[in-house]
Amino acid sequence: MKEELDSISITLLVQACQLDRQNIWFQGDLEIRINGIKPYAEISDIINVDTFLKSLETDGEYFIFSCNCGIPECSGWTKGINVEHREQTILWTNENTKEVWIFDKSKIEKDLVAIRKEVLNYKNFFAKKKIEYVGVGYNW
């Protein structure tokens, strides 16, 4: 019997930020939607990108989502996402809500390849204009 897959979309959001007239940069952030819905709070939560990328390599419990202050518990993430790798899928169990999602590994990999290319394009474009790019992929 074939498993029913959940949809996951991983996208790069880039926005201009300005501290003052001379201090302008572009900020890149990831957005994850599962079955069209963000599994984390819109305003208070972030995706811990390094943790998310590590979770794609090995099984375990990961705090993929966190409060924007950097402390997952601050926004209610007392438990992480349990990640289990299968042959062609990745199973996520939200240990806080017991929600279970099954994703196609190749879809996630394709999204990340596209995001890496997009980051490089932004970095090159903004560098020519002497504007710094920070956030997701700044060190890629």
C-alpha atoms as a PDB file:
ATOM      1  CA  MET A   1       0.000   0.000   0.000  1.00  0.00           C
ATOM      2  CA  LYS A   2       1.375   3.388  -0.991  1.00  0.00           C
ATOM      3  CA  GLU A   3       1.615   6.066   1.711  1.00  0.00           C
ATOM      4  CA  GLU A   4      -0.421   9.203   1.218  1.00  0.00           C
ATOM      5  CA  LEU A   5       2.014  12.107   1.025  1.00  0.00           C
ATOM      6  CA  ASP A   6       1.556  15.529   2.531  1.00  0.00           C
ATOM      7  CA  SER A   7       2.546  18.529   0.452  1.00  0.00           C
ATOM      8  CA  ILE A   8       5.466  20.637   1.615  1.00  0.00           C
ATOM      9  CA  SER A   9       6.674  23.833   0.025  1.00  0.00           C
ATOM     10  CA  ILE A  10       9.890  25.508   1.051  1.00  0.00           C
ATOM     11  CA  THR A  11      10.390  28.997  -0.318  1.00  0.00           C
ATOM     12  CA  LEU A  12      12.833  31.834   0.093  1.00  0.00           C
ATOM     13  CA  LEU A  13      11.406  35.177   1.163  1.00  0.00           C
ATOM     14  CA  VAL A  14      13.645  38.207   0.610  1.00  0.00           C
ATOM     15  CA  GLN A  15      12.863  41.655   1.924  1.00  0.00           C
ATOM     16  CA  ALA A  16      14.648  44.968   2.172  1.00  0.00           C
ATOM     17  CA  CYS A  17      15.570  46.147   5.663  1.00  0.00           C
ATOM     18  CA  GLN A  18      16.729  49.594   6.694  1.00  0.00           C
ATOM     19  CA  LEU A  19      18.142  50.828   9.991  1.00  0.00           C
ATOM     20  CA  ASP A  20      18.930  54.314   8.729  1.00  0.00           C
ATOM     21  CA  ARG A  21      19.687  56.017   5.430  1.00  0.00           C
ATOM     22  CA  GLN A  22      23.154  54.466   5.145  1.00  0.00           C
ATOM     23  CA  ASN A  23      22.352  51.052   6.630  1.00  0.00           C
ATOM     24  CA  ILE A  24      20.283  49.025   4.154  1.00  0.00           C
ATOM     25  CA  TRP A  25      20.418  45.282   3.532  1.00  0.00           C
ATOM     26  CA  PHE A  26      18.343  42.440   2.167  1.00  0.00           C
ATOM     27  CA  GLN A  27      17.191  39.688   4.510  1.00  0.00           C
ATOM     28  CA  GLY A  28      16.499  36.152   3.275  1.00  0.00           C
ATOM     29  CA  ASP A  29      14.240  33.841   5.288  1.00  0.00           C
ATOM     30  CA  LEU A  30      12.742  30.425   4.649  1.00  0.00           C
ATOM     31  CA  GLU A  31       9.050  29.732   4.742  1.00  0.00           C
ATOM     32  CA  ILE A  32       7.650  26.220   5.107  1.00  0.00           C
ATOM     33  CA  ARG A  33       4.056  25.339   4.352  1.00  0.00           C
ATOM     34  CA  ILE A  34       2.618  21.895   4.940  1.00  0.00           C
ATOM     35  CA  ASN A  35      -0.588  21.194   3.038  1.00  0.00           C
ATOM     36  CA  GLY A  36      -0.747  24.948   2.398  1.00  0.00           C
ATOM     37  CA  ILE A  37      -0.471  25.954   6.078  1.00  0.00           C
ATOM     38  CA  LYS A  38       2.472  27.165   8.138  1.00  0.00           C
ATOM     39  CA  PRO A  39       2.985  24.728  11.044  1.00  0.00           C
ATOM     40  CA  TYR A  40       4.427  27.549  13.159  1.00  0.00           C
ATOM     41  CA  ALA A  41       3.126  30.898  14.377  1.00  0.00           C
ATOM     42  CA  GLU A  42       3.153  33.586  11.675  1.00  0.00           C
ATOM     43  CA  ILE A  43       4.423  36.465  13.799  1.00  0.00           C
ATOM     44  CA  SER A  44       6.378  34.968  16.693  1.00  0.00           C
ATOM     45  CA  ASP A  45       8.099  31.914  15.215  1.00  0.00           C
ATOM     46  CA  ILE A  46      10.999  31.298  12.858  1.00  0.00           C
ATOM     47  CA  ILE A  47      12.554  28.350  11.090  1.00  0.00           C
ATOM     48  CA  ASN A  48      15.911  27.363  12.526  1.00  0.00           C
ATOM     49  CA  VAL A  49      17.536  26.812   9.125  1.00  0.00           C
ATOM     50  CA  ASP A  50      20.682  25.059  10.387  1.00  0.00           C
ATOM     51  CA  THR A  51      18.585  22.629  12.433  1.00  0.00           C
ATOM     52  CA  PHE A  52      16.213  22.065   9.522  1.00  0.00           C
ATOM     53  CA  LEU A  53      19.123  21.216   7.207  1.00  0.00           C
ATOM     54  CA  LYS A  54      20.619  18.832   9.804  1.00  0.00           C
ATOM     55  CA  SER A  55      17.238  17.104  10.121  1.00  0.00           C
ATOM     56  CA  LEU A  56      17.426  16.214   6.438  1.00  0.00           C
ATOM     57  CA  GLU A  57      20.493  14.067   7.095  1.00  0.00           C
ATOM     58  CA  THR A  58      19.644  11.887  10.107  1.00  0.00           C
ATOM     59  CA  ASP A  59      16.747  10.697  12.237  1.00  0.00           C
ATOM     60  CA  GLY A  60      16.076  12.366  15.576  1.00  0.00           C
ATOM     61  CA  GLU A  61      14.172  15.079  17.391  1.00  0.00           C
ATOM     62  CA  TYR A  62      14.844  18.585  16.058  1.00  0.00           C
ATOM     63  CA  PHE A  63      13.656  22.041  17.041  1.00  0.00           C
ATOM     64  CA  ILE A  64      13.069  23.066  13.426  1.00  0.00           C
ATOM     65  CA  PHE A  65      10.688  25.811  14.552  1.00  0.00           C
ATOM     66  CA  SER A  66      11.477  28.275  17.304  1.00  0.00           C
ATOM     67  CA  CYS A  67      10.487  31.580  18.832  1.00  0.00           C
ATOM     68  CA  ASN A  68      12.082  34.476  16.976  1.00  0.00           C
ATOM     69  CA  CYS A  69      14.144  35.118  20.131  1.00  0.00           C
ATOM     70  CA  GLY A  70      15.903  31.800  19.487  1.00  0.00           C
ATOM     71  CA  ILE A  71      14.435  29.863  22.418  1.00  0.00           C
ATOM     72  CA  PRO A  72      11.867  27.301  21.166  1.00  0.00           C
ATOM     73  CA  GLU A  73      10.125  26.983  24.541  1.00  0.00           C
ATOM     74  CA  CYS A  74       9.377  30.728  24.553  1.00  0.00           C
ATOM     75  CA  SER A  75       6.683  30.198  21.911  1.00  0.00           C
ATOM     76  CA  GLY A  76       5.498  26.791  23.106  1.00  0.00           C
ATOM     77  CA  TRP A  77       7.875  24.419  21.299  1.00  0.00           C
ATOM     78  CA  THR A  78       8.553  22.312  24.388  1.00  0.00           C
ATOM     79  CA  LYS A  79       9.241  19.300  22.160  1.00  0.00           C
ATOM     80  CA  GLY A  80      10.755  19.173  18.712  1.00  0.00           C
ATOM     81  CA  ILE A  81       9.824  17.532  15.453  1.00  0.00           C
ATOM     82  CA  ASN A  82      10.668  13.839  15.409  1.00  0.00           C
ATOM     83  CA  VAL A  83      12.231  13.109  12.012  1.00  0.00           C
ATOM     84  CA  GLU A  84      12.365   9.610  10.524  1.00  0.00           C
ATOM     85  CA  HIS A  85      14.004   8.954   7.171  1.00  0.00           C
ATOM     86  CA  ARG A  86      12.575   6.241   4.979  1.00  0.00           C
ATOM     87  CA  GLU A  87      13.624   5.101   1.535  1.00  0.00           C
ATOM     88  CA  GLN A  88      11.852   7.819  -0.485  1.00  0.00           C
ATOM     89  CA  THR A  89      10.039   9.764   2.215  1.00  0.00           C
ATOM     90  CA  ILE A  90      10.652  11.698   5.414  1.00  0.00           C
ATOM     91  CA  LEU A  91       8.197  11.362   8.281  1.00  0.00           C
ATOM     92  CA  TRP A  92       7.762  14.298  10.668  1.00  0.00           C
ATOM     93  CA  THR A  93       5.907  13.957  13.954  1.00  0.00           C
ATOM     94  CA  ASN A  94       5.210  17.167  15.851  1.00  0.00           C
ATOM     95  CA  GLU A  95       5.798  15.895  19.373  1.00  0.00           C
ATOM     96  CA  ASN A  96       3.780  18.835  20.791  1.00  0.00           C
ATOM     97  CA  THR A  97       0.558  18.145  18.862  1.00  0.00           C
ATOM     98  CA  LYS A  98       1.161  14.563  17.634  1.00  0.00           C
ATOM     99  CA  GLU A  99       0.494  15.686  14.040  1.00  0.00           C
ATOM    100  CA  VAL A 100       2.213  13.403  11.541  1.00  0.00           C
ATOM    101  CA  TRP A 101       3.323  14.390   8.042  1.00  0.00           C
ATOM    102  CA  ILE A 102       4.949  12.304   5.319  1.00  0.00           C
ATOM    103  CA  PHE A 103       6.954  14.111   2.631  1.00  0.00           C
ATOM    104  CA  ASP A 104       8.574  13.127  -0.637  1.00  0.00           C
ATOM    105  CA  LYS A 105      12.363  13.482  -0.065  1.00  0.00           C
ATOM    106  CA  SER A 106      13.017  14.421  -3.677  1.00  0.00           C
ATOM    107  CA  LYS A 107      10.542  17.345  -3.481  1.00  0.00           C
ATOM    108  CA  ILE A 108      12.404  18.815  -0.497  1.00  0.00           C
ATOM    109  CA  GLU A 109      15.748  18.327  -2.238  1.00  0.00           C
ATOM    110  CA  LYS A 110      14.483  20.056  -5.404  1.00  0.00           C
ATOM    111  CA  ASP A 111      13.138  23.004  -3.396  1.00  0.00           C
ATOM    112  CA  LEU A 112      16.491  23.417  -1.633  1.00  0.00           C
ATOM    113  CA  VAL A 113      18.468  23.257  -4.892  1.00  0.00           C
ATOM    114  CA  ALA A 114      16.240  26.014  -6.298  1.00  0.00           C
ATOM    115  CA  ILE A 115      16.629  28.087  -3.120  1.00  0.00           C
ATOM    116  CA  ARG A 116      20.436  27.783  -3.205  1.00  0.00           C
ATOM    117  CA  LYS A 117      20.442  29.058  -6.810  1.00  0.00           C
ATOM    118  CA  GLU A 118      18.081  31.873  -5.875  1.00  0.00           C
ATOM    119  CA  VAL A 119      20.304  32.911  -2.940  1.00  0.00           C
ATOM    120  CA  LEU A 120      23.374  33.037  -5.188  1.00  0.00           C
ATOM    121  CA  ASN A 121      21.497  35.190  -7.701  1.00  0.00           C
ATOM    122  CA  TYR A 122      20.416  37.615  -4.967  1.00  0.00           C
ATOM    123  CA  LYS A 123      23.892  37.764  -3.432  1.00  0.00           C
ATOM    124  CA  ASN A 124      25.514  38.494  -6.793  1.00  0.00           C
ATOM    125  CA  PHE A 125      22.901  41.074  -7.767  1.00  0.00           C
ATOM    126  CA  PHE A 126      23.014  42.946  -4.456  1.00  0.00           C
ATOM    127  CA  ALA A 127      26.833  42.798  -4.271  1.00  0.00           C
ATOM    128  CA  LYS A 128      27.022  44.716  -7.561  1.00  0.00           C
ATOM    129  CA  LYS A 129      24.910  47.423  -5.928  1.00  0.00           C
ATOM    130  CA  LYS A 130      27.023  47.306  -2.736  1.00  0.00           C
ATOM    131  CA  ILE A 131      24.042  46.076  -0.700  1.00  0.00           C
ATOM    132  CA  GLU A 132      24.597  43.248   1.765  1.00  0.00           C
ATOM    133  CA  TYR A 133      22.513  40.080   1.675  1.00  0.00           C
ATOM    134  CA  VAL A 134      22.027  38.354   5.053  1.00  0.00           C
ATOM    135  CA  GLY A 135      19.949  35.518   6.401  1.00  0.00           C
ATOM    136  CA  VAL A 136      19.326  32.187   4.706  1.00  0.00           C
ATOM    137  CA  GLY A 137      22.345  31.183   2.673  1.00  0.00           C
ATOM    138  CA  TYR A 138      24.545  34.173   3.486  1.00  0.00           C
ATOM    139  CA  ASN A 139      27.449  31.732   3.979  1.00  0.00           C
ATOM    140  CA  TRP A 140      26.711  29.465   0.993  1.00  0.00           C
END
